Amino acid sequence: MIKSLVRNFARELSVRKLYNFLLSANVSLSKTKVYEYFSYLQDINFVFVLRKYGKGVREVEGSIPKIYLTDIGFVTLYGVDDRGRRIENVVAIELLRKKNYLKPLLEVYYWKDTSGKEVDFVLTDRMEVKQLIQVCYDIDDILTKERELKSLVKASKELGCSDLLVITWDYEDEQVFKNKNIRYVPLWKWLLE
């Protein structure tokens, strides 16, 4: 179960999907036990989840969560080499830290539409969307950049937010894309803010 969670960090993963995966791997655990063990892993802060942004409590709580690891050293232990997901996980940890220690009214979600466009982080304060954040390791790849920015702009229009940020490994700039001002900040600089 832990191996599966580590290999799927920074991705959507429901406990039901995890249960089905364990069944297919011939692990005999009841669905109740999988939920119980997952709850234990959350209680000891091995993993934490972010829910999909929605207008109502039911929509948010009924969404498939994205799973993040509190210690990304486990990623190295299990041989996962995805720098993009690693820095996304680091950003998630920092946002959780800010919420718990600096801004208790901050809520952190992810956003996804029906076509599959996704924004990594939606930051709200008292249910008002304050900032949208995409995390992208290599912004030099034109296809990746286009995909990430299109998702950011679509979410911006849908959620009425104009503070758009892309956190990268080492790229810094400010650009206009489809009439939206987008700021690029390297991870190290964002962590020091």
N, C-alpha and C. Protein backbone atom coordinates (compact mmCIF):
# COMPACT_ATOMS: atom_id res chain seq x y z
N MET A 1 0.83 -1.19 0.00
CA MET A 1 0.00 0.00 0.00
C MET A 1 0.87 1.25 0.00
N ILE A 2 1.89 1.25 0.84
CA ILE A 2 2.80 2.39 0.90
C ILE A 2 3.52 2.56 -0.43
N LYS A 3 3.99 1.46 -1.01
CA LYS A 3 4.68 1.52 -2.29
C LYS A 3 3.76 2.13 -3.37
N SER A 4 2.51 1.74 -3.38
CA SER A 4 1.56 2.26 -4.34
C SER A 4 1.33 3.76 -4.14
N LEU A 5 1.21 4.18 -2.90
CA LEU A 5 1.03 5.60 -2.61
C LEU A 5 2.25 6.42 -3.03
N VAL A 6 3.44 5.89 -2.74
CA VAL A 6 4.66 6.60 -3.12
C VAL A 6 4.78 6.71 -4.63
N ARG A 7 4.47 5.65 -5.32
CA ARG A 7 4.59 5.67 -6.79
C ARG A 7 3.54 6.56 -7.45
N ASN A 8 2.47 6.85 -6.74
CA ASN A 8 1.40 7.68 -7.29
C ASN A 8 1.28 9.04 -6.61
N PHE A 9 2.36 9.51 -5.97
CA PHE A 9 2.30 10.80 -5.30
C PHE A 9 2.07 11.91 -6.31
N ALA A 10 1.46 12.99 -5.84
CA ALA A 10 1.13 14.16 -6.67
C ALA A 10 0.21 13.79 -7.84
N ARG A 11 -0.64 12.80 -7.60
CA ARG A 11 -1.65 12.38 -8.58
C ARG A 11 -2.97 12.15 -7.87
N GLU A 12 -4.02 12.15 -8.65
CA GLU A 12 -5.32 11.79 -8.09
C GLU A 12 -5.31 10.30 -7.76
N LEU A 13 -5.77 9.96 -6.58
CA LEU A 13 -5.83 8.56 -6.19
C LEU A 13 -6.89 8.39 -5.12
N SER A 14 -7.94 7.68 -5.45
CA SER A 14 -8.98 7.42 -4.46
C SER A 14 -8.63 6.15 -3.69
N VAL A 15 -9.15 6.04 -2.49
CA VAL A 15 -8.91 4.86 -1.69
C VAL A 15 -9.56 3.65 -2.36
N ARG A 16 -10.69 3.87 -3.03
CA ARG A 16 -11.34 2.77 -3.75
C ARG A 16 -10.44 2.26 -4.88
N LYS A 17 -9.79 3.18 -5.59
CA LYS A 17 -8.85 2.78 -6.65
C LYS A 17 -7.67 2.01 -6.05
N LEU A 18 -7.20 2.48 -4.91
CA LEU A 18 -6.12 1.80 -4.21
C LEU A 18 -6.54 0.40 -3.79
N TYR A 19 -7.75 0.26 -3.29
CA TYR A 19 -8.30 -1.04 -2.90
C TYR A 19 -8.34 -1.98 -4.11
N ASN A 20 -8.84 -1.48 -5.24
CA ASN A 20 -8.91 -2.30 -6.45
C ASN A 20 -7.52 -2.72 -6.93
N PHE A 21 -6.55 -1.82 -6.80
CA PHE A 21 -5.18 -2.15 -7.17
C PHE A 21 -4.63 -3.26 -6.27
N LEU A 22 -4.88 -3.14 -4.98
CA LEU A 22 -4.41 -4.16 -4.05
C LEU A 22 -5.08 -5.51 -4.31
N LEU A 23 -6.35 -5.48 -4.65
CA LEU A 23 -7.05 -6.72 -5.01
C LEU A 23 -6.39 -7.38 -6.22
N SER A 24 -6.08 -6.57 -7.23
CA SER A 24 -5.46 -7.12 -8.44
C SER A 24 -4.06 -7.65 -8.18
N ALA A 25 -3.43 -7.16 -7.11
CA ALA A 25 -2.10 -7.64 -6.73
C ALA A 25 -2.18 -8.80 -5.73
N ASN A 26 -3.37 -9.36 -5.58
CA ASN A 26 -3.62 -10.49 -4.68
C ASN A 26 -3.33 -10.19 -3.22
N VAL A 27 -3.56 -8.94 -2.81
CA VAL A 27 -3.44 -8.58 -1.41
C VAL A 27 -4.84 -8.69 -0.81
N SER A 28 -4.99 -9.52 0.19
CA SER A 28 -6.33 -9.74 0.73
C SER A 28 -6.60 -8.80 1.91
N LEU A 29 -7.09 -7.64 1.58
CA LEU A 29 -7.52 -6.67 2.58
C LEU A 29 -8.95 -6.27 2.25
N SER A 30 -9.76 -6.11 3.26
CA SER A 30 -11.12 -5.64 3.01
C SER A 30 -11.07 -4.15 2.68
N LYS A 31 -12.10 -3.67 2.03
CA LYS A 31 -12.17 -2.24 1.70
C LYS A 31 -12.11 -1.40 2.97
N THR A 32 -12.75 -1.88 4.03
CA THR A 32 -12.74 -1.17 5.31
C THR A 32 -11.32 -1.05 5.85
N LYS A 33 -10.54 -2.12 5.73
CA LYS A 33 -9.15 -2.10 6.22
C LYS A 33 -8.29 -1.13 5.40
N VAL A 34 -8.51 -1.10 4.09
CA VAL A 34 -7.75 -0.17 3.25
C VAL A 34 -8.05 1.27 3.67
N TYR A 35 -9.33 1.59 3.89
CA TYR A 35 -9.69 2.92 4.38
C TYR A 35 -9.06 3.19 5.74
N GLU A 36 -9.08 2.20 6.60
CA GLU A 36 -8.51 2.35 7.94
C GLU A 36 -6.99 2.60 7.87
N TYR A 37 -6.28 1.79 7.08
CA TYR A 37 -4.83 1.96 6.95
C TYR A 37 -4.47 3.29 6.31
N PHE A 38 -5.26 3.69 5.31
CA PHE A 38 -5.01 4.99 4.69
C PHE A 38 -5.20 6.12 5.71
N SER A 39 -6.22 5.99 6.53
CA SER A 39 -6.46 6.97 7.58
C SER A 39 -5.29 7.03 8.56
N TYR A 40 -4.72 5.85 8.89
CA TYR A 40 -3.55 5.82 9.76
C TYR A 40 -2.38 6.56 9.12
N LEU A 41 -2.18 6.35 7.83
CA LEU A 41 -1.08 7.02 7.13
C LEU A 41 -1.27 8.53 7.11
N GLN A 42 -2.52 8.98 7.07
CA GLN A 42 -2.78 10.41 7.17
C GLN A 42 -2.54 10.90 8.60
N ASP A 43 -2.97 10.11 9.58
CA ASP A 43 -2.81 10.49 10.99
C ASP A 43 -1.34 10.66 11.38
N ILE A 44 -0.47 9.82 10.84
CA ILE A 44 0.95 9.92 11.18
C ILE A 44 1.70 10.86 10.23
N ASN A 45 0.95 11.54 9.36
CA ASN A 45 1.50 12.50 8.40
C ASN A 45 2.48 11.86 7.40
N PHE A 46 2.19 10.66 7.00
CA PHE A 46 2.95 10.05 5.91
C PHE A 46 2.47 10.62 4.59
N VAL A 47 1.16 10.76 4.46
CA VAL A 47 0.55 11.38 3.28
C VAL A 47 -0.44 12.44 3.73
N PHE A 48 -0.72 13.38 2.82
CA PHE A 48 -1.84 14.30 3.01
C PHE A 48 -2.52 14.47 1.67
N VAL A 49 -3.76 14.87 1.71
CA VAL A 49 -4.54 14.95 0.48
C VAL A 49 -5.01 16.38 0.24
N LEU A 50 -5.16 16.69 -1.04
CA LEU A 50 -5.81 17.93 -1.45
C LEU A 50 -7.03 17.55 -2.25
N ARG A 51 -8.10 18.25 -2.01
CA ARG A 51 -9.36 17.99 -2.71
C ARG A 51 -9.50 18.93 -3.90
N LYS A 52 -10.34 18.51 -4.82
CA LYS A 52 -10.64 19.31 -6.00
C LYS A 52 -11.50 20.50 -5.58
N TYR A 53 -11.21 21.67 -6.14
CA TYR A 53 -11.96 22.87 -5.82
C TYR A 53 -13.40 22.73 -6.31
N GLY A 54 -14.32 23.16 -5.48
CA GLY A 54 -15.73 23.15 -5.85
C GLY A 54 -16.47 24.22 -5.07
N LYS A 55 -17.65 24.52 -5.51
CA LYS A 55 -18.45 25.58 -4.87
C LYS A 55 -19.10 25.11 -3.57
N GLY A 56 -19.42 23.83 -3.47
CA GLY A 56 -20.09 23.34 -2.27
C GLY A 56 -19.27 22.29 -1.54
N VAL A 57 -19.62 22.08 -0.28
CA VAL A 57 -18.91 21.11 0.56
C VAL A 57 -19.02 19.70 -0.03
N ARG A 58 -20.21 19.34 -0.50
CA ARG A 58 -20.41 18.01 -1.07
C ARG A 58 -19.53 17.78 -2.29
N GLU A 59 -19.44 18.81 -3.13
CA GLU A 59 -18.62 18.71 -4.34
C GLU A 59 -17.15 18.53 -3.99
N VAL A 60 -16.69 19.27 -2.99
CA VAL A 60 -15.29 19.20 -2.56
C VAL A 60 -15.00 17.85 -1.90
N GLU A 61 -15.79 17.48 -0.92
CA GLU A 61 -15.55 16.24 -0.17
C GLU A 61 -15.78 14.99 -1.01
N GLY A 62 -16.62 15.07 -2.02
CA GLY A 62 -16.88 13.92 -2.88
C GLY A 62 -15.88 13.76 -4.01
N SER A 63 -14.95 14.69 -4.11
CA SER A 63 -13.97 14.63 -5.21
C SER A 63 -12.86 13.63 -4.92
N ILE A 64 -12.20 13.20 -5.99
CA ILE A 64 -11.05 12.31 -5.85
C ILE A 64 -9.86 13.16 -5.40
N PRO A 65 -9.22 12.81 -4.30
CA PRO A 65 -8.11 13.63 -3.80
C PRO A 65 -6.81 13.39 -4.57
N LYS A 66 -5.94 14.40 -4.49
CA LYS A 66 -4.56 14.22 -4.94
C LYS A 66 -3.75 13.89 -3.70
N ILE A 67 -2.87 12.91 -3.83
CA ILE A 67 -2.08 12.42 -2.71
C ILE A 67 -0.68 13.05 -2.75
N TYR A 68 -0.24 13.56 -1.63
CA TYR A 68 1.11 14.12 -1.51
C TYR A 68 1.81 13.46 -0.32
N LEU A 69 3.12 13.35 -0.44
CA LEU A 69 3.94 12.76 0.63
C LEU A 69 4.52 13.86 1.50
N THR A 70 4.56 13.63 2.79
CA THR A 70 5.16 14.60 3.70
C THR A 70 6.68 14.55 3.61
N ASP A 71 7.23 13.41 3.28
CA ASP A 71 8.68 13.24 3.14
C ASP A 71 8.97 12.67 1.75
N ILE A 72 9.50 13.51 0.86
CA ILE A 72 9.73 13.02 -0.50
C ILE A 72 10.98 12.16 -0.62
N GLY A 73 11.64 11.91 0.49
CA GLY A 73 12.75 10.96 0.49
C GLY A 73 12.28 9.56 0.10
N PHE A 74 11.01 9.25 0.40
CA PHE A 74 10.46 7.95 0.02
C PHE A 74 10.42 7.77 -1.50
N VAL A 75 10.31 8.89 -2.21
CA VAL A 75 10.29 8.84 -3.68
C VAL A 75 11.62 8.28 -4.18
N THR A 76 12.71 8.73 -3.61
CA THR A 76 14.03 8.22 -3.97
C THR A 76 14.17 6.76 -3.58
N LEU A 77 13.69 6.42 -2.39
CA LEU A 77 13.75 5.05 -1.89
C LEU A 77 13.08 4.07 -2.85
N TYR A 78 11.94 4.47 -3.42
CA TYR A 78 11.20 3.58 -4.32
C TYR A 78 11.54 3.83 -5.79
N GLY A 79 12.55 4.64 -6.07
CA GLY A 79 13.06 4.79 -7.43
C GLY A 79 12.19 5.56 -8.40
N VAL A 80 11.38 6.48 -7.90
CA VAL A 80 10.56 7.31 -8.78
C VAL A 80 11.36 8.55 -9.15
N ASP A 81 11.57 8.75 -10.45
CA ASP A 81 12.40 9.87 -10.90
C ASP A 81 11.57 10.80 -11.78
N ASP A 82 10.68 11.56 -11.16
CA ASP A 82 9.85 12.51 -11.88
C ASP A 82 10.03 13.87 -11.21
N ARG A 83 10.88 14.69 -11.79
CA ARG A 83 11.21 15.98 -11.17
C ARG A 83 10.01 16.91 -11.08
N GLY A 84 9.14 16.86 -12.07
CA GLY A 84 7.96 17.71 -12.05
C GLY A 84 7.06 17.42 -10.87
N ARG A 85 6.80 16.13 -10.64
CA ARG A 85 5.96 15.75 -9.50
C ARG A 85 6.68 16.01 -8.18
N ARG A 86 7.99 15.87 -8.18
CA ARG A 86 8.75 16.15 -6.95
C ARG A 86 8.61 17.62 -6.53
N ILE A 87 8.79 18.53 -7.50
CA ILE A 87 8.69 19.94 -7.09
C ILE A 87 7.23 20.32 -6.80
N GLU A 88 6.28 19.65 -7.46
CA GLU A 88 4.88 19.89 -7.11
C GLU A 88 4.63 19.46 -5.67
N ASN A 89 5.22 18.35 -5.26
CA ASN A 89 5.07 17.88 -3.88
C ASN A 89 5.71 18.85 -2.90
N VAL A 90 6.86 19.39 -3.25
CA VAL A 90 7.53 20.38 -2.39
C VAL A 90 6.64 21.62 -2.22
N VAL A 91 6.03 22.07 -3.32
CA VAL A 91 5.13 23.22 -3.25
C VAL A 91 3.94 22.90 -2.36
N ALA A 92 3.38 21.70 -2.49
CA ALA A 92 2.25 21.30 -1.65
C ALA A 92 2.62 21.31 -0.17
N ILE A 93 3.80 20.82 0.15
CA ILE A 93 4.26 20.82 1.55
C ILE A 93 4.38 22.25 2.06
N GLU A 94 4.95 23.13 1.25
CA GLU A 94 5.13 24.53 1.67
C GLU A 94 3.78 25.23 1.85
N LEU A 95 2.83 24.95 0.96
CA LEU A 95 1.50 25.55 1.10
C LEU A 95 0.81 25.05 2.37
N LEU A 96 0.98 23.77 2.68
CA LEU A 96 0.41 23.22 3.91
C LEU A 96 1.06 23.87 5.13
N ARG A 97 2.37 24.08 5.07
CA ARG A 97 3.07 24.76 6.17
C ARG A 97 2.55 26.18 6.36
N LYS A 98 2.38 26.90 5.24
CA LYS A 98 1.86 28.28 5.33
C LYS A 98 0.46 28.29 5.94
N LYS A 99 -0.36 27.33 5.54
CA LYS A 99 -1.72 27.26 6.08
C LYS A 99 -1.69 27.00 7.59
N ASN A 100 -0.87 26.05 8.01
CA ASN A 100 -0.85 25.65 9.42
C ASN A 100 -0.17 26.65 10.34
N TYR A 101 0.82 27.40 9.83
CA TYR A 101 1.60 28.26 10.71
C TYR A 101 1.45 29.76 10.47
N LEU A 102 1.05 30.15 9.26
CA LEU A 102 1.02 31.58 8.96
C LEU A 102 -0.36 32.11 8.60
N LYS A 103 -1.11 31.32 7.82
CA LYS A 103 -2.40 31.80 7.31
C LYS A 103 -3.49 30.74 7.54
N PRO A 104 -4.07 30.73 8.73
CA PRO A 104 -5.03 29.67 9.05
C PRO A 104 -6.30 29.68 8.19
N LEU A 105 -6.62 30.80 7.55
CA LEU A 105 -7.81 30.86 6.70
C LEU A 105 -7.53 30.42 5.26
N LEU A 106 -6.28 30.16 4.97
CA LEU A 106 -5.90 29.69 3.63
C LEU A 106 -6.41 28.27 3.43
N GLU A 107 -7.03 28.04 2.29
CA GLU A 107 -7.43 26.69 1.90
C GLU A 107 -6.74 26.39 0.57
N VAL A 108 -6.30 25.15 0.41
CA VAL A 108 -5.57 24.75 -0.78
C VAL A 108 -6.32 23.60 -1.45
N TYR A 109 -6.55 23.76 -2.75
CA TYR A 109 -7.24 22.76 -3.55
C TYR A 109 -6.48 22.57 -4.85
N TYR A 110 -6.94 21.65 -5.67
CA TYR A 110 -6.52 21.62 -7.07
C TYR A 110 -7.77 21.83 -7.90
N TRP A 111 -7.61 22.13 -9.18
CA TRP A 111 -8.74 22.38 -10.06
C TRP A 111 -8.63 21.47 -11.28
N LYS A 112 -9.75 20.94 -11.70
CA LYS A 112 -9.77 20.10 -12.89
C LYS A 112 -11.14 20.24 -13.53
N ASP A 113 -11.15 20.41 -14.87
CA ASP A 113 -12.44 20.50 -15.56
C ASP A 113 -12.78 19.17 -16.22
N THR A 114 -13.91 19.13 -16.87
CA THR A 114 -14.38 17.87 -17.47
C THR A 114 -13.53 17.42 -18.65
N SER A 115 -12.79 18.35 -19.26
CA SER A 115 -11.95 17.97 -20.40
C SER A 115 -10.57 17.48 -19.96
N GLY A 116 -10.29 17.54 -18.66
CA GLY A 116 -9.01 17.06 -18.15
C GLY A 116 -7.98 18.13 -17.90
N LYS A 117 -8.31 19.39 -18.22
CA LYS A 117 -7.38 20.48 -17.91
C LYS A 117 -7.28 20.60 -16.39
N GLU A 118 -6.05 20.81 -15.91
CA GLU A 118 -5.83 20.81 -14.47
C GLU A 118 -4.90 21.93 -14.05
N VAL A 119 -5.20 22.52 -12.91
CA VAL A 119 -4.32 23.49 -12.27
C VAL A 119 -3.90 22.87 -10.95
N ASP A 120 -2.61 22.89 -10.67
CA ASP A 120 -2.07 22.18 -9.52
C ASP A 120 -2.60 22.69 -8.18
N PHE A 121 -2.69 24.02 -8.03
CA PHE A 121 -3.11 24.57 -6.74
C PHE A 121 -4.03 25.77 -6.91
N VAL A 122 -5.12 25.74 -6.17
CA VAL A 122 -6.06 26.86 -6.08
C VAL A 122 -6.02 27.30 -4.62
N LEU A 123 -5.63 28.56 -4.39
CA LEU A 123 -5.55 29.08 -3.03
C LEU A 123 -6.76 29.98 -2.77
N THR A 124 -7.47 29.70 -1.70
CA THR A 124 -8.63 30.51 -1.35
C THR A 124 -8.49 31.05 0.06
N ASP A 125 -9.16 32.16 0.28
CA ASP A 125 -9.25 32.76 1.61
C ASP A 125 -10.71 33.13 1.80
N ARG A 126 -11.35 32.50 2.75
CA ARG A 126 -12.79 32.69 3.00
C ARG A 126 -13.61 32.45 1.73
N MET A 127 -13.29 31.37 1.05
CA MET A 127 -13.97 30.91 -0.17
C MET A 127 -13.78 31.82 -1.39
N GLU A 128 -12.91 32.81 -1.30
CA GLU A 128 -12.58 33.64 -2.46
C GLU A 128 -11.26 33.15 -3.03
N VAL A 129 -11.26 32.86 -4.33
CA VAL A 129 -10.05 32.38 -4.97
C VAL A 129 -9.05 33.53 -5.06
N LYS A 130 -7.88 33.34 -4.47
CA LYS A 130 -6.86 34.38 -4.41
C LYS A 130 -5.73 34.17 -5.41
N GLN A 131 -5.36 32.90 -5.67
CA GLN A 131 -4.22 32.64 -6.55
C GLN A 131 -4.34 31.26 -7.16
N LEU A 132 -3.87 31.15 -8.41
CA LEU A 132 -3.78 29.87 -9.11
C LEU A 132 -2.31 29.60 -9.38
N ILE A 133 -1.87 28.39 -9.06
CA ILE A 133 -0.45 28.04 -9.21
C ILE A 133 -0.32 26.76 -10.04
N GLN A 134 0.51 26.84 -11.06
CA GLN A 134 0.93 25.67 -11.82
C GLN A 134 2.37 25.40 -11.45
N VAL A 135 2.75 24.14 -11.43
CA VAL A 135 4.14 23.76 -11.18
C VAL A 135 4.62 23.02 -12.42
N CYS A 136 5.75 23.49 -12.96
CA CYS A 136 6.27 22.90 -14.19
C CYS A 136 7.80 22.90 -14.12
N TYR A 137 8.39 21.74 -14.12
CA TYR A 137 9.84 21.65 -14.01
C TYR A 137 10.52 22.31 -15.20
N ASP A 138 10.13 21.93 -16.42
CA ASP A 138 10.79 22.42 -17.63
C ASP A 138 9.81 23.22 -18.48
N ILE A 139 9.87 24.53 -18.37
CA ILE A 139 8.96 25.39 -19.11
C ILE A 139 9.46 25.63 -20.53
N ASP A 140 10.67 25.15 -20.86
CA ASP A 140 11.22 25.33 -22.20
C ASP A 140 10.53 24.44 -23.24
N ASP A 141 9.94 23.35 -22.80
CA ASP A 141 9.22 22.46 -23.70
C ASP A 141 7.93 23.15 -24.13
N ILE A 142 7.82 23.48 -25.41
CA ILE A 142 6.70 24.27 -25.94
C ILE A 142 5.36 23.60 -25.68
N LEU A 143 5.27 22.28 -25.91
CA LEU A 143 4.00 21.58 -25.70
C LEU A 143 3.58 21.61 -24.24
N THR A 144 4.52 21.38 -23.36
CA THR A 144 4.23 21.41 -21.92
C THR A 144 3.78 22.80 -21.50
N LYS A 145 4.51 23.81 -21.95
CA LYS A 145 4.19 25.19 -21.61
C LYS A 145 2.79 25.55 -22.08
N GLU A 146 2.47 25.21 -23.31
CA GLU A 146 1.15 25.50 -23.88
C GLU A 146 0.04 24.81 -23.06
N ARG A 147 0.24 23.54 -22.73
CA ARG A 147 -0.75 22.78 -21.96
C ARG A 147 -0.97 23.41 -20.58
N GLU A 148 0.12 23.72 -19.90
CA GLU A 148 0.03 24.29 -18.55
C GLU A 148 -0.64 25.66 -18.57
N LEU A 149 -0.27 26.49 -19.54
CA LEU A 149 -0.83 27.84 -19.59
C LEU A 149 -2.30 27.84 -20.00
N LYS A 150 -2.68 26.97 -20.92
CA LYS A 150 -4.09 26.89 -21.32
C LYS A 150 -4.96 26.51 -20.13
N SER A 151 -4.50 25.56 -19.33
CA SER A 151 -5.24 25.16 -18.14
C SER A 151 -5.35 26.31 -17.15
N LEU A 152 -4.25 27.03 -16.97
CA LEU A 152 -4.21 28.15 -16.04
C LEU A 152 -5.19 29.25 -16.47
N VAL A 153 -5.20 29.56 -17.76
CA VAL A 153 -6.08 30.60 -18.28
C VAL A 153 -7.55 30.18 -18.18
N LYS A 154 -7.84 28.92 -18.49
CA LYS A 154 -9.22 28.44 -18.39
C LYS A 154 -9.71 28.51 -16.95
N ALA A 155 -8.90 28.07 -16.01
CA ALA A 155 -9.27 28.13 -14.59
C ALA A 155 -9.43 29.59 -14.15
N SER A 156 -8.56 30.46 -14.64
CA SER A 156 -8.62 31.87 -14.30
C SER A 156 -9.97 32.47 -14.71
N LYS A 157 -10.41 32.15 -15.90
CA LYS A 157 -11.70 32.66 -16.39
C LYS A 157 -12.86 32.06 -15.59
N GLU A 158 -12.79 30.76 -15.34
CA GLU A 158 -13.88 30.08 -14.64
C GLU A 158 -13.98 30.50 -13.17
N LEU A 159 -12.84 30.72 -12.53
CA LEU A 159 -12.84 31.02 -11.10
C LEU A 159 -12.71 32.51 -10.78
N GLY A 160 -12.53 33.32 -11.82
CA GLY A 160 -12.44 34.77 -11.62
C GLY A 160 -11.21 35.20 -10.86
N CYS A 161 -10.08 34.62 -11.19
CA CYS A 161 -8.83 34.95 -10.50
C CYS A 161 -7.79 35.44 -11.50
N SER A 162 -7.13 36.54 -11.17
CA SER A 162 -6.13 37.08 -12.10
C SER A 162 -4.70 36.94 -11.58
N ASP A 163 -4.51 36.40 -10.40
CA ASP A 163 -3.16 36.18 -9.86
C ASP A 163 -2.71 34.79 -10.29
N LEU A 164 -1.94 34.73 -11.39
CA LEU A 164 -1.53 33.47 -11.99
C LEU A 164 -0.03 33.30 -11.85
N LEU A 165 0.37 32.16 -11.34
CA LEU A 165 1.78 31.90 -11.06
C LEU A 165 2.17 30.53 -11.59
N VAL A 166 3.34 30.48 -12.20
CA VAL A 166 3.92 29.21 -12.62
C VAL A 166 5.25 29.07 -11.87
N ILE A 167 5.36 28.02 -11.08
CA ILE A 167 6.60 27.75 -10.35
C ILE A 167 7.40 26.77 -11.18
N THR A 168 8.64 27.14 -11.49
CA THR A 168 9.51 26.34 -12.35
C THR A 168 10.77 25.96 -11.58
N TRP A 169 11.64 25.20 -12.23
CA TRP A 169 12.89 24.85 -11.58
C TRP A 169 13.83 26.05 -11.55
N ASP A 170 13.98 26.73 -12.69
CA ASP A 170 14.96 27.82 -12.73
C ASP A 170 14.59 28.99 -13.64
N TYR A 171 13.37 29.03 -14.14
CA TYR A 171 12.97 30.07 -15.09
C TYR A 171 12.22 31.18 -14.36
N GLU A 172 12.57 32.44 -14.69
CA GLU A 172 11.89 33.59 -14.09
C GLU A 172 11.55 34.59 -15.17
N ASP A 173 10.30 35.03 -15.18
CA ASP A 173 9.85 35.97 -16.21
C ASP A 173 8.43 36.40 -15.88
N GLU A 174 7.92 37.29 -16.68
CA GLU A 174 6.52 37.67 -16.63
C GLU A 174 6.08 37.81 -18.07
N GLN A 175 4.97 37.17 -18.43
CA GLN A 175 4.49 37.17 -19.80
C GLN A 175 2.98 37.33 -19.83
N VAL A 176 2.50 37.74 -21.00
CA VAL A 176 1.06 37.79 -21.23
C VAL A 176 0.72 36.63 -22.16
N PHE A 177 -0.27 35.83 -21.75
CA PHE A 177 -0.72 34.69 -22.54
C PHE A 177 -2.24 34.76 -22.59
N LYS A 178 -2.78 34.90 -23.80
CA LYS A 178 -4.23 35.01 -24.00
C LYS A 178 -4.84 36.08 -23.09
N ASN A 179 -4.20 37.25 -23.10
CA ASN A 179 -4.64 38.43 -22.34
C ASN A 179 -4.58 38.26 -20.82
N LYS A 180 -3.82 37.30 -20.36
CA LYS A 180 -3.65 37.10 -18.91
C LYS A 180 -2.18 37.26 -18.56
N ASN A 181 -1.92 38.02 -17.50
CA ASN A 181 -0.55 38.22 -17.04
C ASN A 181 -0.13 37.03 -16.18
N ILE A 182 0.96 36.39 -16.57
CA ILE A 182 1.43 35.20 -15.86
C ILE A 182 2.85 35.43 -15.39
N ARG A 183 3.07 35.14 -14.13
CA ARG A 183 4.39 35.31 -13.52
C ARG A 183 5.04 33.95 -13.35
N TYR A 184 6.31 33.86 -13.73
CA TYR A 184 7.11 32.64 -13.57
C TYR A 184 8.14 32.90 -12.48
N VAL A 185 8.23 31.98 -11.53
CA VAL A 185 9.18 32.12 -10.43
C VAL A 185 9.88 30.79 -10.22
N PRO A 186 11.23 30.82 -10.06
CA PRO A 186 11.93 29.57 -9.73
C PRO A 186 11.53 29.08 -8.33
N LEU A 187 11.55 27.78 -8.17
CA LEU A 187 11.14 27.16 -6.90
C LEU A 187 11.89 27.76 -5.72
N TRP A 188 13.22 27.87 -5.81
CA TRP A 188 14.01 28.35 -4.69
C TRP A 188 13.59 29.75 -4.25
N LYS A 189 13.27 30.59 -5.24
CA LYS A 189 12.88 31.97 -4.92
C LYS A 189 11.50 32.00 -4.28
N TRP A 190 10.59 31.18 -4.79
CA TRP A 190 9.24 31.11 -4.23
C TRP A 190 9.28 30.61 -2.78
N LEU A 191 10.14 29.65 -2.50
CA LEU A 191 10.26 29.12 -1.15
C LEU A 191 10.78 30.16 -0.16
N LEU A 192 11.57 31.12 -0.67
CA LEU A 192 12.12 32.16 0.21
C LEU A 192 11.16 33.33 0.42
N GLU A 193 10.08 33.41 -0.36
CA GLU A 193 9.13 34.52 -0.23
C GLU A 193 8.41 34.47 1.11
